[in-house]
């Protein structure tokens, strides 16, 4: 197992390590009835990149839209909506969606590319 250097400046390295750790610790889906568009592993890794970049949900979505390598690293066929990330974070942290960015009508998912 390759040791992870905690002082990395690479969002891709953070995403890859978060994805690896999530695969070890989380089930792929939170329910057998999940839509199966994104795994919990992918969502966790995106949220790790969001935290690493010190940005908000919409900004990390924009980063994913702009960087094909990051989408490839995460195995994304499309980019999740910001609200998907907000609700995933609330679920993964066992809290409720309290962020104002969780409110409002959801937008359609964008295809990567």
N, C-alpha and C. Protein backbone atom coordinates (compact mmCIF):
# COMPACT_ATOMS: atom_id res chain seq x y z
N UNK A 1 0.85 -1.18 0.00
CA UNK A 1 0.00 0.00 0.00
C UNK A 1 0.89 1.24 0.00
N UNK A 2 0.64 2.13 -0.92
CA UNK A 2 1.41 3.36 -1.05
C UNK A 2 1.00 4.35 0.04
N UNK A 3 1.96 4.88 0.80
CA UNK A 3 1.58 5.86 1.84
C UNK A 3 1.09 7.15 1.22
N UNK A 4 0.14 7.77 1.85
CA UNK A 4 -0.43 9.02 1.37
C UNK A 4 0.28 10.19 2.03
N UNK A 5 0.77 11.09 1.24
CA UNK A 5 1.46 12.27 1.76
C UNK A 5 0.41 13.33 2.07
N UNK A 6 0.20 13.68 3.35
CA UNK A 6 -0.89 14.57 3.73
C UNK A 6 -0.73 16.00 3.24
N UNK A 7 0.46 16.39 2.80
CA UNK A 7 0.67 17.77 2.39
C UNK A 7 0.61 17.93 0.87
N UNK A 8 -0.11 17.08 0.19
CA UNK A 8 -0.20 17.17 -1.26
C UNK A 8 -0.88 18.47 -1.67
N UNK A 9 -0.53 18.92 -2.84
CA UNK A 9 -1.18 20.10 -3.41
C UNK A 9 -2.02 19.70 -4.62
N UNK A 10 -2.18 18.41 -4.82
CA UNK A 10 -2.88 17.90 -5.99
C UNK A 10 -4.30 17.46 -5.67
N UNK A 11 -5.30 18.12 -6.27
CA UNK A 11 -6.68 17.67 -6.08
C UNK A 11 -6.89 16.24 -6.59
N UNK A 12 -6.15 15.85 -7.63
CA UNK A 12 -6.28 14.49 -8.15
C UNK A 12 -5.77 13.47 -7.14
N UNK A 13 -4.67 13.77 -6.47
CA UNK A 13 -4.15 12.85 -5.46
C UNK A 13 -5.13 12.72 -4.30
N UNK A 14 -5.73 13.83 -3.90
CA UNK A 14 -6.74 13.81 -2.84
C UNK A 14 -7.93 12.96 -3.27
N UNK A 15 -8.40 13.16 -4.50
CA UNK A 15 -9.55 12.41 -5.00
C UNK A 15 -9.25 10.92 -5.06
N UNK A 16 -8.07 10.56 -5.55
CA UNK A 16 -7.71 9.15 -5.66
C UNK A 16 -7.62 8.48 -4.29
N UNK A 17 -7.01 9.16 -3.33
CA UNK A 17 -6.88 8.58 -1.99
C UNK A 17 -8.24 8.50 -1.30
N UNK A 18 -9.06 9.53 -1.45
CA UNK A 18 -10.40 9.52 -0.84
C UNK A 18 -11.24 8.40 -1.44
N UNK A 19 -11.14 8.20 -2.74
CA UNK A 19 -11.88 7.12 -3.40
C UNK A 19 -11.42 5.76 -2.87
N UNK A 20 -10.13 5.58 -2.71
CA UNK A 20 -9.59 4.32 -2.18
C UNK A 20 -10.10 4.07 -0.76
N UNK A 21 -10.04 5.10 0.07
CA UNK A 21 -10.49 4.95 1.46
C UNK A 21 -11.99 4.69 1.54
N UNK A 22 -12.75 5.38 0.71
CA UNK A 22 -14.21 5.19 0.71
C UNK A 22 -14.57 3.77 0.30
N UNK A 23 -13.84 3.22 -0.66
CA UNK A 23 -14.11 1.84 -1.08
C UNK A 23 -13.86 0.84 0.04
N UNK A 24 -12.92 1.17 0.92
CA UNK A 24 -12.63 0.30 2.06
C UNK A 24 -13.68 0.44 3.17
N UNK A 25 -14.29 1.62 3.29
CA UNK A 25 -15.11 1.91 4.47
C UNK A 25 -16.61 2.01 4.21
N UNK A 26 -17.02 2.25 2.98
CA UNK A 26 -18.44 2.51 2.71
C UNK A 26 -19.01 1.49 1.72
N UNK A 27 -20.30 1.19 1.86
CA UNK A 27 -20.95 0.41 0.81
C UNK A 27 -21.09 1.28 -0.44
N UNK A 28 -21.18 0.67 -1.59
CA UNK A 28 -21.28 1.44 -2.83
C UNK A 28 -22.52 2.34 -2.84
N UNK A 29 -23.62 1.83 -2.32
CA UNK A 29 -24.88 2.60 -2.32
C UNK A 29 -25.48 2.57 -0.92
N UNK A 30 -26.19 3.64 -0.58
CA UNK A 30 -26.76 3.74 0.76
C UNK A 30 -27.99 2.86 0.93
N UNK A 31 -28.61 2.45 -0.18
CA UNK A 31 -29.81 1.64 -0.13
C UNK A 31 -29.87 0.76 -1.38
N UNK A 32 -30.54 -0.37 -1.26
CA UNK A 32 -30.70 -1.21 -2.46
C UNK A 32 -31.60 -0.53 -3.49
N UNK A 33 -32.30 0.53 -3.07
CA UNK A 33 -33.19 1.27 -3.97
C UNK A 33 -32.53 2.54 -4.52
N UNK A 34 -31.25 2.74 -4.25
CA UNK A 34 -30.55 3.93 -4.75
C UNK A 34 -30.60 3.97 -6.27
N UNK A 35 -30.54 5.19 -6.83
CA UNK A 35 -30.61 5.36 -8.28
C UNK A 35 -29.38 4.83 -9.01
N UNK A 36 -28.31 4.65 -8.33
CA UNK A 36 -27.08 4.07 -8.88
C UNK A 36 -26.45 4.91 -9.98
N UNK A 37 -26.66 6.23 -9.91
CA UNK A 37 -25.96 7.13 -10.83
C UNK A 37 -24.54 7.41 -10.34
N UNK A 38 -24.40 7.53 -9.02
CA UNK A 38 -23.11 7.81 -8.40
C UNK A 38 -22.97 6.91 -7.18
N UNK A 39 -21.78 6.39 -6.97
CA UNK A 39 -21.56 5.59 -5.77
C UNK A 39 -21.26 6.52 -4.60
N UNK A 40 -21.44 6.00 -3.40
CA UNK A 40 -21.05 6.77 -2.22
C UNK A 40 -19.55 7.03 -2.24
N UNK A 41 -18.80 6.11 -2.84
CA UNK A 41 -17.35 6.29 -2.95
C UNK A 41 -17.03 7.54 -3.77
N UNK A 42 -17.71 7.67 -4.91
CA UNK A 42 -17.48 8.83 -5.78
C UNK A 42 -17.89 10.12 -5.08
N UNK A 43 -19.06 10.11 -4.45
CA UNK A 43 -19.55 11.31 -3.78
C UNK A 43 -18.64 11.71 -2.62
N UNK A 44 -18.17 10.73 -1.87
CA UNK A 44 -17.25 11.02 -0.77
C UNK A 44 -15.96 11.66 -1.31
N UNK A 45 -15.43 11.11 -2.39
CA UNK A 45 -14.20 11.65 -2.96
C UNK A 45 -14.40 13.07 -3.48
N UNK A 46 -15.55 13.34 -4.09
CA UNK A 46 -15.84 14.70 -4.56
C UNK A 46 -15.91 15.65 -3.37
N UNK A 47 -16.54 15.21 -2.30
CA UNK A 47 -16.63 16.06 -1.10
C UNK A 47 -15.26 16.28 -0.48
N UNK A 48 -14.37 15.30 -0.58
CA UNK A 48 -13.00 15.49 -0.09
C UNK A 48 -12.28 16.55 -0.93
N UNK A 49 -12.49 16.53 -2.24
CA UNK A 49 -11.90 17.55 -3.11
C UNK A 49 -12.49 18.91 -2.79
N UNK A 50 -13.78 18.97 -2.54
CA UNK A 50 -14.44 20.23 -2.16
C UNK A 50 -13.79 20.81 -0.91
N UNK A 51 -13.57 19.97 0.09
CA UNK A 51 -12.94 20.42 1.33
C UNK A 51 -11.49 20.83 1.07
N UNK A 52 -10.78 20.04 0.29
CA UNK A 52 -9.38 20.34 -0.03
C UNK A 52 -9.25 21.70 -0.72
N UNK A 53 -10.16 21.98 -1.65
CA UNK A 53 -10.11 23.25 -2.39
C UNK A 53 -10.74 24.41 -1.63
N UNK A 54 -11.32 24.11 -0.46
CA UNK A 54 -11.99 25.13 0.37
C UNK A 54 -13.01 25.91 -0.45
N UNK A 55 -13.89 25.16 -1.08
CA UNK A 55 -14.87 25.76 -1.98
C UNK A 55 -16.27 25.27 -1.63
N UNK A 56 -17.25 25.70 -2.39
CA UNK A 56 -18.63 25.30 -2.14
C UNK A 56 -19.07 24.23 -3.15
N UNK A 57 -20.32 23.78 -3.01
CA UNK A 57 -20.83 22.70 -3.86
C UNK A 57 -20.82 23.09 -5.34
N UNK A 58 -21.30 24.27 -5.65
CA UNK A 58 -21.37 24.70 -7.05
C UNK A 58 -19.99 24.85 -7.67
N UNK A 59 -19.04 25.31 -6.88
CA UNK A 59 -17.68 25.48 -7.40
C UNK A 59 -17.00 24.15 -7.67
N UNK A 60 -17.19 23.17 -6.81
CA UNK A 60 -16.57 21.87 -7.07
C UNK A 60 -17.23 21.21 -8.28
N UNK A 61 -18.51 21.46 -8.51
CA UNK A 61 -19.17 20.97 -9.72
C UNK A 61 -18.52 21.62 -10.95
N UNK A 62 -18.24 22.92 -10.87
CA UNK A 62 -17.57 23.61 -11.98
C UNK A 62 -16.18 23.04 -12.23
N UNK A 63 -15.46 22.72 -11.16
CA UNK A 63 -14.13 22.11 -11.30
C UNK A 63 -14.25 20.77 -12.02
N UNK A 64 -15.23 19.96 -11.63
CA UNK A 64 -15.43 18.67 -12.28
C UNK A 64 -15.82 18.84 -13.74
N UNK A 65 -16.63 19.85 -14.04
CA UNK A 65 -17.00 20.14 -15.44
C UNK A 65 -15.76 20.46 -16.27
N UNK A 66 -14.81 21.17 -15.67
CA UNK A 66 -13.65 21.66 -16.40
C UNK A 66 -12.50 20.66 -16.54
N UNK A 67 -12.41 19.68 -15.63
CA UNK A 67 -11.23 18.81 -15.61
C UNK A 67 -11.59 17.35 -15.86
N UNK A 68 -11.39 16.94 -17.12
CA UNK A 68 -11.72 15.57 -17.52
C UNK A 68 -10.90 14.53 -16.76
N UNK A 69 -9.63 14.87 -16.43
CA UNK A 69 -8.79 13.90 -15.71
C UNK A 69 -9.37 13.57 -14.35
N UNK A 70 -9.90 14.58 -13.68
CA UNK A 70 -10.50 14.36 -12.37
C UNK A 70 -11.75 13.50 -12.48
N UNK A 71 -12.57 13.77 -13.51
CA UNK A 71 -13.76 12.93 -13.73
C UNK A 71 -13.34 11.49 -14.01
N UNK A 72 -12.30 11.31 -14.81
CA UNK A 72 -11.81 9.97 -15.13
C UNK A 72 -11.29 9.27 -13.87
N UNK A 73 -10.52 10.00 -13.07
CA UNK A 73 -10.00 9.42 -11.82
C UNK A 73 -11.13 8.91 -10.93
N UNK A 74 -12.25 9.62 -10.94
CA UNK A 74 -13.38 9.26 -10.09
C UNK A 74 -14.35 8.30 -10.77
N UNK A 75 -14.13 8.01 -12.04
CA UNK A 75 -15.02 7.10 -12.76
C UNK A 75 -16.39 7.69 -13.03
N UNK A 76 -16.44 9.01 -13.22
CA UNK A 76 -17.72 9.69 -13.44
C UNK A 76 -18.09 9.69 -14.92
N UNK A 77 -19.33 9.30 -15.22
CA UNK A 77 -19.86 9.42 -16.57
C UNK A 77 -20.55 10.76 -16.75
N UNK A 78 -21.01 11.31 -15.65
CA UNK A 78 -21.60 12.65 -15.64
C UNK A 78 -21.27 13.30 -14.32
N UNK A 79 -21.47 14.60 -14.26
CA UNK A 79 -21.14 15.37 -13.06
C UNK A 79 -22.41 15.52 -12.22
N UNK A 80 -22.33 15.22 -10.93
CA UNK A 80 -23.52 15.37 -10.09
C UNK A 80 -23.90 16.84 -9.91
N UNK A 81 -25.17 17.07 -9.68
CA UNK A 81 -25.66 18.40 -9.37
C UNK A 81 -25.17 18.79 -7.97
N UNK A 82 -25.08 20.08 -7.73
CA UNK A 82 -24.62 20.54 -6.41
C UNK A 82 -25.51 20.03 -5.29
N UNK A 83 -26.81 19.90 -5.55
CA UNK A 83 -27.72 19.43 -4.50
C UNK A 83 -27.47 17.96 -4.16
N UNK A 84 -27.06 17.17 -5.14
CA UNK A 84 -26.70 15.78 -4.89
C UNK A 84 -25.55 15.70 -3.90
N UNK A 85 -24.57 16.58 -4.07
CA UNK A 85 -23.42 16.62 -3.16
C UNK A 85 -23.84 17.07 -1.77
N UNK A 86 -24.72 18.04 -1.72
CA UNK A 86 -25.18 18.56 -0.43
C UNK A 86 -25.90 17.47 0.36
N UNK A 87 -26.80 16.77 -0.29
CA UNK A 87 -27.54 15.72 0.40
C UNK A 87 -26.64 14.52 0.74
N UNK A 88 -25.68 14.23 -0.13
CA UNK A 88 -24.74 13.15 0.17
C UNK A 88 -23.90 13.49 1.39
N UNK A 89 -23.46 14.73 1.48
CA UNK A 89 -22.67 15.13 2.65
C UNK A 89 -23.50 15.01 3.92
N UNK A 90 -24.74 15.43 3.86
CA UNK A 90 -25.61 15.32 5.04
C UNK A 90 -25.80 13.85 5.42
N UNK A 91 -25.97 12.99 4.43
CA UNK A 91 -26.17 11.56 4.70
C UNK A 91 -24.89 10.93 5.25
N UNK A 92 -23.76 11.24 4.64
CA UNK A 92 -22.50 10.65 5.07
C UNK A 92 -22.09 11.12 6.46
N UNK A 93 -22.47 12.33 6.81
CA UNK A 93 -22.15 12.85 8.14
C UNK A 93 -23.25 12.54 9.15
N UNK A 94 -24.31 11.87 8.70
CA UNK A 94 -25.44 11.50 9.55
C UNK A 94 -26.14 12.72 10.14
N UNK A 95 -26.08 13.82 9.42
CA UNK A 95 -26.78 15.03 9.83
C UNK A 95 -27.94 15.26 8.90
N UNK A 96 -28.47 16.44 8.93
CA UNK A 96 -29.55 16.81 8.02
C UNK A 96 -29.06 17.87 7.07
N UNK A 97 -29.74 18.04 5.95
CA UNK A 97 -29.34 19.09 5.02
C UNK A 97 -29.66 20.46 5.60
N UNK A 98 -28.65 21.11 6.16
CA UNK A 98 -28.86 22.40 6.81
C UNK A 98 -28.28 23.55 6.01
N UNK A 99 -27.49 23.24 5.01
CA UNK A 99 -26.86 24.29 4.22
C UNK A 99 -27.88 24.96 3.32
N UNK A 100 -27.82 26.31 3.19
CA UNK A 100 -28.75 26.99 2.30
C UNK A 100 -28.60 26.54 0.85
N UNK A 101 -27.44 26.01 0.47
CA UNK A 101 -27.26 25.57 -0.91
C UNK A 101 -28.02 24.28 -1.20
N UNK A 102 -28.60 23.64 -0.17
CA UNK A 102 -29.43 22.45 -0.40
C UNK A 102 -30.84 22.83 -0.80
N UNK A 103 -31.21 24.06 -0.56
CA UNK A 103 -32.58 24.47 -0.87
C UNK A 103 -32.70 24.87 -2.34
N UNK A 104 -33.91 24.95 -2.79
CA UNK A 104 -34.16 25.35 -4.17
C UNK A 104 -34.38 24.15 -5.05
N UNK A 105 -34.93 24.37 -6.24
CA UNK A 105 -35.22 23.25 -7.13
C UNK A 105 -33.94 22.64 -7.69
N UNK A 106 -33.88 21.32 -7.79
CA UNK A 106 -32.68 20.69 -8.34
C UNK A 106 -32.57 20.96 -9.83
N UNK A 107 -31.34 21.03 -10.31
CA UNK A 107 -31.10 21.21 -11.74
C UNK A 107 -30.77 19.87 -12.35
N UNK A 108 -30.89 19.78 -13.65
CA UNK A 108 -30.60 18.52 -14.34
C UNK A 108 -29.12 18.19 -14.24
N UNK A 109 -28.80 16.91 -14.26
CA UNK A 109 -27.41 16.48 -14.24
C UNK A 109 -26.78 16.81 -15.59
N UNK A 110 -25.53 17.18 -15.54
CA UNK A 110 -24.79 17.47 -16.76
C UNK A 110 -24.00 16.24 -17.16
N UNK A 111 -23.88 16.02 -18.45
CA UNK A 111 -23.03 14.92 -18.90
C UNK A 111 -21.60 15.42 -18.97
N UNK A 112 -20.69 14.56 -18.62
CA UNK A 112 -19.27 14.92 -18.65
C UNK A 112 -18.80 14.94 -20.09
N UNK A 113 -17.94 15.89 -20.37
CA UNK A 113 -17.38 15.86 -21.72
C UNK A 113 -17.15 17.13 -22.32
